[in-house]
Amino acid sequence: MPEVSNLFVVLMGIGTVFFGLICIILLCMAMSAVCRSMEKAPVAAPAAPAAPAAPAAGAEAIPNRQAMIAAIAAAIAEEEGTDLAGIRILSVKKM
């Protein structure tokens, strides 16, 4: 069996990696085009009134606010590795 040079092995390895990367890039571009074609056309926003209307108080209410704040505080305490008593949430705004 003939001896294979080290340079040939290295070049084949590098070539294989770059060929694979190029295939992944092309596949991502194709999937992106498919996803964009399946997207619905954006709906045009209706014309805004001259004076912005005040938001209704009921629309901004967060159901189970205390339970949500407790869950947020517990998640922050777990992530930071601190005690739950050391976490104080001062305000919560809908974004």
PDB file of N, CA and C in Angstrom:
ATOM      1  N   MET A   1       0.849  -1.171   0.000  1.00  0.00           N
ATOM      2  CA  MET A   1       0.000   0.000   0.000  1.00  0.00           C
ATOM      3  C   MET A   1       0.896   1.237   0.000  1.00  0.00           C
ATOM      4  N   PRO A   2       0.629   2.191  -0.918  1.00  0.00           N
ATOM      5  CA  PRO A   2       1.487   3.375  -0.989  1.00  0.00           C
ATOM      6  C   PRO A   2       1.298   4.273   0.236  1.00  0.00           C
ATOM      7  N   GLU A   3       2.379   4.938   0.592  1.00  0.00           N
ATOM      8  CA  GLU A   3       2.396   5.846   1.741  1.00  0.00           C
ATOM      9  C   GLU A   3       1.709   7.157   1.368  1.00  0.00           C
ATOM     10  N   VAL A   4       0.797   7.637   2.216  1.00  0.00           N
ATOM     11  CA  VAL A   4       0.084   8.894   1.992  1.00  0.00           C
ATOM     12  C   VAL A   4       0.838   9.992   2.737  1.00  0.00           C
ATOM     13  N   SER A   5       1.095  11.104   2.037  1.00  0.00           N
ATOM     14  CA  SER A   5       1.873  12.174   2.669  1.00  0.00           C
ATOM     15  C   SER A   5       1.024  12.930   3.683  1.00  0.00           C
ATOM     16  N   ASN A   6       1.704  13.517   4.653  1.00  0.00           N
ATOM     17  CA  ASN A   6       1.025  14.297   5.688  1.00  0.00           C
ATOM     18  C   ASN A   6       0.339  15.524   5.089  1.00  0.00           C
ATOM     19  N   LEU A   7       0.952  16.149   4.094  1.00  0.00           N
ATOM     20  CA  LEU A   7       0.380  17.327   3.457  1.00  0.00           C
ATOM     21  C   LEU A   7      -0.945  16.979   2.786  1.00  0.00           C
ATOM     22  N   PHE A   8      -1.017  15.817   2.138  1.00  0.00           N
ATOM     23  CA  PHE A   8      -2.254  15.390   1.492  1.00  0.00           C
ATOM     24  C   PHE A   8      -3.370  15.201   2.517  1.00  0.00           C
ATOM     25  N   VAL A   9      -3.055  14.607   3.650  1.00  0.00           N
ATOM     26  CA  VAL A   9      -4.044  14.375   4.699  1.00  0.00           C
ATOM     27  C   VAL A   9      -4.557  15.708   5.250  1.00  0.00           C
ATOM     28  N   VAL A  10      -3.642  16.655   5.479  1.00  0.00           N
ATOM     29  CA  VAL A  10      -4.027  17.961   6.003  1.00  0.00           C
ATOM     30  C   VAL A  10      -4.916  18.692   5.000  1.00  0.00           C
ATOM     31  N   LEU A  11      -4.521  18.704   3.737  1.00  0.00           N
ATOM     32  CA  LEU A  11      -5.298  19.405   2.719  1.00  0.00           C
ATOM     33  C   LEU A  11      -6.675  18.765   2.525  1.00  0.00           C
ATOM     34  N   MET A  12      -6.754  17.447   2.589  1.00  0.00           N
ATOM     35  CA  MET A  12      -8.052  16.780   2.481  1.00  0.00           C
ATOM     36  C   MET A  12      -8.943  17.127   3.677  1.00  0.00           C
ATOM     37  N   GLY A  13      -8.363  17.183   4.848  1.00  0.00           N
ATOM     38  CA  GLY A  13      -9.138  17.541   6.046  1.00  0.00           C
ATOM     39  C   GLY A  13      -9.669  18.966   5.965  1.00  0.00           C
ATOM     40  N   ILE A  14      -8.804  19.899   5.609  1.00  0.00           N
ATOM     41  CA  ILE A  14      -9.210  21.294   5.486  1.00  0.00           C
ATOM     42  C   ILE A  14     -10.254  21.455   4.376  1.00  0.00           C
ATOM     43  N   GLY A  15     -10.035  20.783   3.256  1.00  0.00           N
ATOM     44  CA  GLY A  15     -10.991  20.850   2.158  1.00  0.00           C
ATOM     45  C   GLY A  15     -12.351  20.315   2.549  1.00  0.00           C
ATOM     46  N   THR A  16     -12.363  19.216   3.292  1.00  0.00           N
ATOM     47  CA  THR A  16     -13.621  18.629   3.743  1.00  0.00           C
ATOM     48  C   THR A  16     -14.365  19.574   4.675  1.00  0.00           C
ATOM     49  N   VAL A  17     -13.644  20.195   5.596  1.00  0.00           N
ATOM     50  CA  VAL A  17     -14.266  21.124   6.538  1.00  0.00           C
ATOM     51  C   VAL A  17     -14.870  22.312   5.793  1.00  0.00           C
ATOM     52  N   PHE A  18     -14.114  22.914   4.885  1.00  0.00           N
ATOM     53  CA  PHE A  18     -14.630  24.076   4.172  1.00  0.00           C
ATOM     54  C   PHE A  18     -15.780  23.703   3.242  1.00  0.00           C
ATOM     55  N   PHE A  19     -15.720  22.523   2.629  1.00  0.00           N
ATOM     56  CA  PHE A  19     -16.830  22.069   1.804  1.00  0.00           C
ATOM     57  C   PHE A  19     -18.088  21.905   2.652  1.00  0.00           C
ATOM     58  N   GLY A  20     -17.939  21.337   3.839  1.00  0.00           N
ATOM     59  CA  GLY A  20     -19.073  21.181   4.753  1.00  0.00           C
ATOM     60  C   GLY A  20     -19.636  22.519   5.194  1.00  0.00           C
ATOM     61  N   LEU A  21     -18.757  23.469   5.506  1.00  0.00           N
ATOM     62  CA  LEU A  21     -19.217  24.796   5.921  1.00  0.00           C
ATOM     63  C   LEU A  21     -19.962  25.502   4.792  1.00  0.00           C
ATOM     64  N   ILE A  22     -19.477  25.380   3.592  1.00  0.00           N
ATOM     65  CA  ILE A  22     -20.148  25.997   2.448  1.00  0.00           C
ATOM     66  C   ILE A  22     -21.525  25.376   2.255  1.00  0.00           C
ATOM     67  N   CYS A  23     -21.621  24.053   2.419  1.00  0.00           N
ATOM     68  CA  CYS A  23     -22.928  23.387   2.308  1.00  0.00           C
ATOM     69  C   CYS A  23     -23.887  23.879   3.391  1.00  0.00           C
ATOM     70  N   ILE A  24     -23.408  24.065   4.615  1.00  0.00           N
ATOM     71  CA  ILE A  24     -24.254  24.561   5.700  1.00  0.00           C
ATOM     72  C   ILE A  24     -24.733  25.972   5.391  1.00  0.00           C
ATOM     73  N   ILE A  25     -23.849  26.827   4.879  1.00  0.00           N
ATOM     74  CA  ILE A  25     -24.233  28.198   4.532  1.00  0.00           C
ATOM     75  C   ILE A  25     -25.296  28.198   3.446  1.00  0.00           C
ATOM     76  N   LEU A  26     -25.110  27.386   2.418  1.00  0.00           N
ATOM     77  CA  LEU A  26     -26.100  27.323   1.341  1.00  0.00           C
ATOM     78  C   LEU A  26     -27.440  26.789   1.845  1.00  0.00           C
ATOM     79  N   LEU A  27     -27.397  25.808   2.722  1.00  0.00           N
ATOM     80  CA  LEU A  27     -28.626  25.268   3.293  1.00  0.00           C
ATOM     81  C   LEU A  27     -29.345  26.321   4.130  1.00  0.00           C
ATOM     82  N   CYS A  28     -28.609  27.094   4.919  1.00  0.00           N
ATOM     83  CA  CYS A  28     -29.219  28.163   5.718  1.00  0.00           C
ATOM     84  C   CYS A  28     -29.841  29.229   4.832  1.00  0.00           C
ATOM     85  N   MET A  29     -29.158  29.588   3.743  1.00  0.00           N
ATOM     86  CA  MET A  29     -29.704  30.588   2.830  1.00  0.00           C
ATOM     87  C   MET A  29     -30.980  30.071   2.165  1.00  0.00           C
ATOM     88  N   ALA A  30     -30.997  28.801   1.797  1.00  0.00           N
ATOM     89  CA  ALA A  30     -32.186  28.220   1.171  1.00  0.00           C
ATOM     90  C   ALA A  30     -33.346  28.175   2.157  1.00  0.00           C
ATOM     91  N   MET A  31     -33.100  27.767   3.387  1.00  0.00           N
ATOM     92  CA  MET A  31     -34.164  27.717   4.390  1.00  0.00           C
ATOM     93  C   MET A  31     -34.674  29.116   4.718  1.00  0.00           C
ATOM     94  N   SER A  32     -33.791  30.096   4.737  1.00  0.00           N
ATOM     95  CA  SER A  32     -34.210  31.472   4.976  1.00  0.00           C
ATOM     96  C   SER A  32     -35.128  31.953   3.862  1.00  0.00           C
ATOM     97  N   ALA A  33     -34.798  31.627   2.627  1.00  0.00           N
ATOM     98  CA  ALA A  33     -35.643  32.026   1.495  1.00  0.00           C
ATOM     99  C   ALA A  33     -37.004  31.344   1.576  1.00  0.00           C
ATOM    100  N   VAL A  34     -37.031  30.070   1.977  1.00  0.00           N
ATOM    101  CA  VAL A  34     -38.296  29.354   2.107  1.00  0.00           C
ATOM    102  C   VAL A  34     -39.149  29.979   3.212  1.00  0.00           C
ATOM    103  N   CYS A  35     -38.541  30.283   4.341  1.00  0.00           N
ATOM    104  CA  CYS A  35     -39.287  30.879   5.456  1.00  0.00           C
ATOM    105  C   CYS A  35     -39.829  32.254   5.078  1.00  0.00           C
ATOM    106  N   ARG A  36     -39.020  33.045   4.369  1.00  0.00           N
ATOM    107  CA  ARG A  36     -39.479  34.374   3.950  1.00  0.00           C
ATOM    108  C   ARG A  36     -40.632  34.265   2.965  1.00  0.00           C
ATOM    109  N   SER A  37     -40.609  33.272   2.100  1.00  0.00           N
ATOM    110  CA  SER A  37     -41.687  33.135   1.122  1.00  0.00           C
ATOM    111  C   SER A  37     -42.973  32.659   1.788  1.00  0.00           C
ATOM    112  N   MET A  38     -42.891  31.940   2.889  1.00  0.00           N
ATOM    113  CA  MET A  38     -44.070  31.461   3.594  1.00  0.00           C
ATOM    114  C   MET A  38     -44.673  32.516   4.517  1.00  0.00           C
ATOM    115  N   GLU A  39     -43.912  33.560   4.832  1.00  0.00           N
ATOM    116  CA  GLU A  39     -44.395  34.625   5.705  1.00  0.00           C
ATOM    117  C   GLU A  39     -45.546  35.353   5.052  1.00  0.00           C
ATOM    118  N   LYS A  40     -46.496  35.775   5.870  1.00  0.00           N
ATOM    119  CA  LYS A  40     -47.591  36.563   5.343  1.00  0.00           C
ATOM    120  C   LYS A  40     -47.090  37.971   5.059  1.00  0.00           C
ATOM    121  N   ALA A  41     -47.716  38.624   4.109  1.00  0.00           N
ATOM    122  CA  ALA A  41     -47.355  40.003   3.796  1.00  0.00           C
ATOM    123  C   ALA A  41     -47.737  40.875   4.988  1.00  0.00           C
ATOM    124  N   PRO A  42     -46.880  41.840   5.355  1.00  0.00           N
ATOM    125  CA  PRO A  42     -47.196  42.695   6.502  1.00  0.00           C
ATOM    126  C   PRO A  42     -48.431  43.542   6.221  1.00  0.00           C
ATOM    127  N   VAL A  43     -49.279  43.637   7.218  1.00  0.00           N
ATOM    128  CA  VAL A  43     -50.509  44.404   7.092  1.00  0.00           C
ATOM    129  C   VAL A  43     -50.182  45.873   7.334  1.00  0.00           C
ATOM    130  N   ALA A  44     -50.690  46.740   6.477  1.00  0.00           N
ATOM    131  CA  ALA A  44     -50.440  48.169   6.631  1.00  0.00           C
ATOM    132  C   ALA A  44     -51.135  48.667   7.888  1.00  0.00           C
ATOM    133  N   ALA A  45     -50.425  49.478   8.668  1.00  0.00           N
ATOM    134  CA  ALA A  45     -50.978  50.019   9.905  1.00  0.00           C
ATOM    135  C   ALA A  45     -52.007  51.090   9.581  1.00  0.00           C
ATOM    136  N   PRO A  46     -53.113  51.111  10.301  1.00  0.00           N
ATOM    137  CA  PRO A  46     -54.102  52.147  10.048  1.00  0.00           C
ATOM    138  C   PRO A  46     -53.545  53.509  10.446  1.00  0.00           C
ATOM    139  N   ALA A  47     -54.101  54.545   9.854  1.00  0.00           N
ATOM    140  CA  ALA A  47     -53.632  55.895  10.140  1.00  0.00           C
ATOM    141  C   ALA A  47     -53.866  56.219  11.607  1.00  0.00           C
ATOM    142  N   ALA A  48     -52.870  56.802  12.248  1.00  0.00           N
ATOM    143  CA  ALA A  48     -52.963  57.140  13.661  1.00  0.00           C
ATOM    144  C   ALA A  48     -53.805  58.397  13.836  1.00  0.00           C
ATOM    145  N   PRO A  49     -54.632  58.439  14.889  1.00  0.00           N
ATOM    146  CA  PRO A  49     -55.404  59.654  15.136  1.00  0.00           C
ATOM    147  C   PRO A  49     -54.484  60.790  15.549  1.00  0.00           C
ATOM    148  N   ALA A  50     -54.963  62.006  15.419  1.00  0.00           N
ATOM    149  CA  ALA A  50     -54.147  63.186  15.714  1.00  0.00           C
ATOM    150  C   ALA A  50     -53.719  63.207  17.175  1.00  0.00           C
ATOM    151  N   ALA A  51     -54.637  62.911  18.093  1.00  0.00           N
ATOM    152  CA  ALA A  51     -54.309  62.891  19.525  1.00  0.00           C
ATOM    153  C   ALA A  51     -54.325  61.444  19.990  1.00  0.00           C
ATOM    154  N   PRO A  52     -53.219  60.970  20.582  1.00  0.00           N
ATOM    155  CA  PRO A  52     -53.203  59.580  21.045  1.00  0.00           C
ATOM    156  C   PRO A  52     -54.211  59.376  22.168  1.00  0.00           C
ATOM    157  N   ALA A  53     -54.958  58.295  22.091  1.00  0.00           N
ATOM    158  CA  ALA A  53     -55.950  57.979  23.109  1.00  0.00           C
ATOM    159  C   ALA A  53     -55.256  57.415  24.338  1.00  0.00           C
ATOM    160  N   ALA A  54     -55.771  57.742  25.505  1.00  0.00           N
ATOM    161  CA  ALA A  54     -55.209  57.226  26.751  1.00  0.00           C
ATOM    162  C   ALA A  54     -55.531  55.750  26.857  1.00  0.00           C
ATOM    163  N   PRO A  55     -54.549  54.910  27.247  1.00  0.00           N
ATOM    164  CA  PRO A  55     -54.809  53.476  27.354  1.00  0.00           C
ATOM    165  C   PRO A  55     -55.795  53.189  28.479  1.00  0.00           C
ATOM    166  N   ALA A  56     -56.620  52.195  28.277  1.00  0.00           N
ATOM    167  CA  ALA A  56     -57.595  51.812  29.295  1.00  0.00           C
ATOM    168  C   ALA A  56     -56.868  51.211  30.488  1.00  0.00           C
ATOM    169  N   ALA A  57     -57.358  51.504  31.677  1.00  0.00           N
ATOM    170  CA  ALA A  57     -56.703  51.004  32.887  1.00  0.00           C
ATOM    171  C   ALA A  57     -56.792  49.493  32.974  1.00  0.00           C
ATOM    172  N   GLY A  58     -57.881  48.902  32.512  1.00  0.00           N
ATOM    173  CA  GLY A  58     -58.058  47.454  32.576  1.00  0.00           C
ATOM    174  C   GLY A  58     -57.146  46.707  31.615  1.00  0.00           C
ATOM    175  N   ALA A  59     -56.758  47.351  30.495  1.00  0.00           N
ATOM    176  CA  ALA A  59     -55.919  46.693  29.505  1.00  0.00           C
ATOM    177  C   ALA A  59     -54.491  46.534  30.014  1.00  0.00           C
ATOM    178  N   GLU A  60     -54.062  47.405  30.901  1.00  0.00           N
ATOM    179  CA  GLU A  60     -52.694  47.363  31.409  1.00  0.00           C
ATOM    180  C   GLU A  60     -52.549  46.468  32.633  1.00  0.00           C
ATOM    181  N   ALA A  61     -53.648  46.019  33.204  1.00  0.00           N
ATOM    182  CA  ALA A  61     -53.588  45.213  34.417  1.00  0.00           C
ATOM    183  C   ALA A  61     -52.945  43.862  34.118  1.00  0.00           C
ATOM    184  N   ILE A  62     -52.071  43.436  35.008  1.00  0.00           N
ATOM    185  CA  ILE A  62     -51.396  42.158  34.868  1.00  0.00           C
ATOM    186  C   ILE A  62     -52.078  41.167  35.812  1.00  0.00           C
ATOM    187  N   PRO A  63     -52.661  40.092  35.287  1.00  0.00           N
ATOM    188  CA  PRO A  63     -53.316  39.129  36.178  1.00  0.00           C
ATOM    189  C   PRO A  63     -52.267  38.397  37.015  1.00  0.00           C
ATOM    190  N   ASN A  64     -52.627  38.083  38.252  1.00  0.00           N
ATOM    191  CA  ASN A  64     -51.726  37.373  39.184  1.00  0.00           C
ATOM    192  C   ASN A  64     -50.395  38.097  39.321  1.00  0.00           C
ATOM    193  N   ARG A  65     -50.435  39.381  39.546  1.00  0.00           N
ATOM    194  CA  ARG A  65     -49.231  40.212  39.615  1.00  0.00           C
ATOM    195  C   ARG A  65     -48.272  39.727  40.706  1.00  0.00           C
ATOM    196  N   GLN A  66     -48.792  39.413  41.905  1.00  0.00           N
ATOM    197  CA  GLN A  66     -47.924  38.994  43.001  1.00  0.00           C
ATOM    198  C   GLN A  66     -47.242  37.664  42.690  1.00  0.00           C
ATOM    199  N   ALA A  67     -47.949  36.755  42.063  1.00  0.00           N
ATOM    200  CA  ALA A  67     -47.352  35.460  41.709  1.00  0.00           C
ATOM    201  C   ALA A  67     -46.266  35.652  40.650  1.00  0.00           C
ATOM    202  N   MET A  68     -46.516  36.550  39.694  1.00  0.00           N
ATOM    203  CA  MET A  68     -45.515  36.813  38.660  1.00  0.00           C
ATOM    204  C   MET A  68     -44.260  37.442  39.268  1.00  0.00           C
ATOM    205  N   ILE A  69     -44.445  38.399  40.189  1.00  0.00           N
ATOM    206  CA  ILE A  69     -43.293  39.046  40.822  1.00  0.00           C
ATOM    207  C   ILE A  69     -42.520  38.041  41.666  1.00  0.00           C
ATOM    208  N   ALA A  70     -43.229  37.146  42.354  1.00  0.00           N
ATOM    209  CA  ALA A  70     -42.553  36.118  43.148  1.00  0.00           C
ATOM    210  C   ALA A  70     -41.736  35.187  42.258  1.00  0.00           C
ATOM    211  N   ALA A  71     -42.292  34.827  41.095  1.00  0.00           N
ATOM    212  CA  ALA A  71     -41.563  33.953  40.173  1.00  0.00           C
ATOM    213  C   ALA A  71     -40.334  34.658  39.607  1.00  0.00           C
ATOM    214  N   ILE A  72     -40.459  35.935  39.279  1.00  0.00           N
ATOM    215  CA  ILE A  72     -39.310  36.698  38.769  1.00  0.00           C
ATOM    216  C   ILE A  72     -38.230  36.791  39.833  1.00  0.00           C
ATOM    217  N   ALA A  73     -38.625  37.102  41.076  1.00  0.00           N
ATOM    218  CA  ALA A  73     -37.650  37.211  42.167  1.00  0.00           C
ATOM    219  C   ALA A  73     -36.956  35.872  42.420  1.00  0.00           C
ATOM    220  N   ALA A  74     -37.707  34.778  42.360  1.00  0.00           N
ATOM    221  CA  ALA A  74     -37.108  33.459  42.574  1.00  0.00           C
ATOM    222  C   ALA A  74     -36.121  33.120  41.468  1.00  0.00           C
ATOM    223  N   ALA A  75     -36.455  33.460  40.225  1.00  0.00           N
ATOM    224  CA  ALA A  75     -35.548  33.182  39.107  1.00  0.00           C
ATOM    225  C   ALA A  75     -34.271  34.001  39.220  1.00  0.00           C
ATOM    226  N   ILE A  76     -34.397  35.276  39.598  1.00  0.00           N
ATOM    227  CA  ILE A  76     -33.215  36.132  39.759  1.00  0.00           C
ATOM    228  C   ILE A  76     -32.350  35.623  40.902  1.00  0.00           C
ATOM    229  N   ALA A  77     -32.971  35.261  42.028  1.00  0.00           N
ATOM    230  CA  ALA A  77     -32.209  34.759  43.171  1.00  0.00           C
ATOM    231  C   ALA A  77     -31.488  33.458  42.814  1.00  0.00           C
ATOM    232  N   GLU A  78     -32.139  32.589  42.070  1.00  0.00           N
ATOM    233  CA  GLU A  78     -31.508  31.326  41.660  1.00  0.00           C
ATOM    234  C   GLU A  78     -30.319  31.586  40.742  1.00  0.00           C
ATOM    235  N   GLU A  79     -30.504  32.489  39.791  1.00  0.00           N
ATOM    236  CA  GLU A  79     -29.422  32.791  38.836  1.00  0.00           C
ATOM    237  C   GLU A  79     -28.235  33.453  39.524  1.00  0.00           C
ATOM    238  N   GLU A  80     -28.513  34.367  40.452  1.00  0.00           N
ATOM    239  CA  GLU A  80     -27.441  35.085  41.142  1.00  0.00           C
ATOM    240  C   GLU A  80     -26.840  34.277  42.288  1.00  0.00           C
ATOM    241  N   GLY A  81     -27.546  33.243  42.724  1.00  0.00           N
ATOM    242  CA  GLY A  81     -27.040  32.422  43.822  1.00  0.00           C
ATOM    243  C   GLY A  81     -27.188  33.114  45.168  1.00  0.00           C
ATOM    244  N   THR A  82     -28.188  33.987  45.297  1.00  0.00           N
ATOM    245  CA  THR A  82     -28.413  34.705  46.550  1.00  0.00           C
ATOM    246  C   THR A  82     -29.694  34.213  47.193  1.00  0.00           C
ATOM    247  N   ASP A  83     -29.964  34.744  48.398  1.00  0.00           N
ATOM    248  CA  ASP A  83     -31.174  34.406  49.117  1.00  0.00           C
ATOM    249  C   ASP A  83     -32.336  35.201  48.533  1.00  0.00           C
ATOM    250  N   LEU A  84     -33.511  34.600  48.515  1.00  0.00           N
ATOM    251  CA  LEU A  84     -34.702  35.251  47.966  1.00  0.00           C
ATOM    252  C   LEU A  84     -35.072  36.500  48.758  1.00  0.00           C
ATOM    253  N   ALA A  85     -34.747  36.526  50.045  1.00  0.00           N
ATOM    254  CA  ALA A  85     -35.084  37.685  50.877  1.00  0.00           C
ATOM    255  C   ALA A  85     -34.273  38.917  50.464  1.00  0.00           C
ATOM    256  N   GLY A  86     -33.164  38.721  49.789  1.00  0.00           N
ATOM    257  CA  GLY A  86     -32.322  39.846  49.379  1.00  0.00           C
ATOM    258  C   GLY A  86     -32.744  40.480  48.065  1.00  0.00           C
ATOM    259  N   ILE A  87     -33.781  39.956  47.434  1.00  0.00           N
ATOM    260  CA  ILE A  87     -34.231  40.477  46.147  1.00  0.00           C
ATOM    261  C   ILE A  87     -35.425  41.393  46.380  1.00  0.00           C
ATOM    262  N   ARG A  88     -35.346  42.618  45.867  1.00  0.00           N
ATOM    263  CA  ARG A  88     -36.450  43.572  45.947  1.00  0.00           C
ATOM    264  C   ARG A  88     -36.779  44.045  44.537  1.00  0.00           C
ATOM    265  N   ILE A  89     -37.981  43.765  44.100  1.00  0.00           N
ATOM    266  CA  ILE A  89     -38.441  44.247  42.794  1.00  0.00           C
ATOM    267  C   ILE A  89     -39.270  45.488  43.056  1.00  0.00           C
ATOM    268  N   LEU A  90     -38.796  46.631  42.535  1.00  0.00           N
ATOM    269  CA  LEU A  90     -39.459  47.901  42.805  1.00  0.00           C
ATOM    270  C   LEU A  90     -40.588  48.197  41.851  1.00  0.00           C
ATOM    271  N   SER A  91     -40.441  47.824  40.595  1.00  0.00           N
ATOM    272  CA  SER A  91     -41.515  48.089  39.640  1.00  0.00           C
ATOM    273  C   SER A  91     -41.439  47.080  38.502  1.00  0.00           C
ATOM    274  N   VAL A  92     -42.604  46.853  37.886  1.00  0.00           N
ATOM    275  CA  VAL A  92     -42.700  45.961  36.748  1.00  0.00           C
ATOM    276  C   VAL A  92     -43.479  46.703  35.673  1.00  0.00           C
ATOM    277  N   LYS A  93     -42.871  46.811  34.476  1.00  0.00           N
ATOM    278  CA  LYS A  93     -43.533  47.497  33.369  1.00  0.00           C
ATOM    279  C   LYS A  93     -43.675  46.539  32.208  1.00  0.00           C
ATOM    280  N   LYS A  94     -44.805  46.608  31.530  1.00  0.00           N
ATOM    281  CA  LYS A  94     -45.009  45.818  30.347  1.00  0.00           C
ATOM    282  C   LYS A  94     -44.264  46.486  29.197  1.00  0.00           C
ATOM    283  N   MET A  95     -43.481  45.716  28.471  1.00  0.00           N
ATOM    284  CA  MET A  95     -42.673  46.308  27.397  1.00  0.00           C
ATOM    285  C   MET A  95     -43.233  45.954  26.056  1.00  0.00           C
TER     286      MET A  95
END
